[in-house]
Protein backbone atom coordinates (compact mmCIF):
# COMPACT_ATOMS: atom_id res chain seq x y z
CA MET A 1 147.78 66.13 124.63
CA PRO A 2 146.84 68.38 121.69
CA PRO A 3 144.62 66.97 118.97
CA ALA A 4 146.47 65.35 116.07
CA ASP A 5 144.76 67.56 113.49
CA PRO A 6 143.64 70.88 114.97
CA ALA A 7 141.51 73.33 113.02
CA ARG A 8 143.27 75.52 110.48
CA PHE A 9 141.21 78.63 111.27
CA ILE A 10 139.30 80.04 114.20
CA PHE A 11 136.72 82.79 113.61
CA THR A 12 135.42 84.24 116.86
CA ASP A 13 133.47 87.18 118.17
CA ILE A 14 134.98 89.02 121.14
CA ASN A 15 131.69 88.70 123.03
CA MET A 16 131.01 85.04 123.75
CA PRO A 17 129.00 83.27 126.42
CA GLY A 18 130.99 81.51 129.09
CA PRO A 19 134.07 82.17 131.17
CA ILE A 20 136.37 83.45 128.38
CA ASP A 21 135.94 86.02 125.64
CA GLY A 22 137.08 85.82 122.04
CA LEU A 23 140.36 87.59 122.74
CA GLU A 24 141.26 85.08 125.43
CA LEU A 25 140.32 82.28 123.02
CA ALA A 26 142.55 83.85 120.36
CA ASP A 27 145.44 84.03 122.85
CA ILE A 28 144.99 80.41 123.92
CA VAL A 29 144.77 79.13 120.35
CA SER A 30 147.77 81.21 119.21
CA THR A 31 149.87 79.96 122.12
CA ARG A 32 148.91 76.28 122.01
CA PHE A 33 148.45 75.95 118.25
CA PRO A 34 150.60 78.60 116.52
CA ARG A 35 149.80 77.21 113.06
CA VAL A 36 146.06 77.82 113.56
CA LYS A 37 145.13 81.22 112.16
CA VAL A 38 142.65 83.44 114.00
CA ILE A 39 140.17 86.08 112.83
CA VAL A 40 138.41 88.07 115.56
CA THR A 41 135.25 90.13 115.02
CA SER A 42 133.18 92.57 117.05
CA GLY A 43 130.48 95.14 116.55
CA LYS A 44 130.99 96.70 119.97
CA GLN A 45 134.67 97.52 120.04
CA TRP A 46 137.52 98.26 117.68
CA LEU A 47 140.90 96.56 118.09
CA GLU A 48 144.30 97.68 116.93
CA PRO A 49 146.67 95.00 115.55
CA LYS A 50 148.86 95.28 118.67
CA GLU A 51 145.89 94.14 120.80
CA LEU A 52 145.66 90.82 118.93
CA PRO A 53 147.89 87.77 119.12
CA ASP A 54 150.58 87.59 116.43
CA ASP A 55 149.25 86.63 112.99
CA SER A 56 145.64 87.27 114.05
CA LEU A 57 143.34 89.60 112.13
CA PHE A 58 140.41 91.78 113.19
CA LEU A 59 137.21 92.24 111.17
CA PRO A 60 134.82 94.90 112.52
CA LYS A 61 131.06 94.38 112.24
CA PRO A 62 129.12 94.94 110.15
CA TYR A 63 131.11 93.31 107.38
CA ARG A 64 130.35 91.90 103.97
CA PRO A 65 130.88 88.24 103.14
CA THR A 66 133.50 89.33 100.59
CA GLN A 67 135.49 91.03 103.36
CA LEU A 68 135.48 87.84 105.43
CA ALA A 69 136.45 85.80 102.36
CA ARG A 70 139.37 88.16 101.70
CA LEU A 71 140.67 87.79 105.27
CA VAL A 72 140.29 84.01 105.17
CA GLY A 73 142.28 84.02 101.93
CA GLN A 74 144.91 86.21 103.56
CA GLN A 75 145.18 83.81 106.49
CA ALA A 76 145.27 80.81 104.16
CA GLY A 77 148.32 82.35 102.52
CA ARG A 78 150.02 82.39 105.93
CA LEU A 79 149.50 78.70 106.62
CA ALA A 80 152.80 76.89 106.94
C-alpha cells in the first residue's frame, strides 16, 4: 500500500549506490506516484527530455543553487 502522504519532489543523481540507478528510481516514482515531481542530475552524462519520465526535469552538473531553485519552482508550479 502506498504511503498516505508521499514526498512532493524527488531529486536524484543518475549514479547511485545499490541495485537501481537514478533513472530507474525516477521511472518507479513517476509510475507509482505520478503527482510526485522528479529532478534528475548527473555530471557524467547528458539526458534529453525524451529519456526522462513524463514531467521530469534534468539538471546537468555542475549547477548553481539558483538553477536548482528555478527547477524546483518550475516543478512546484506543476503540482496538482
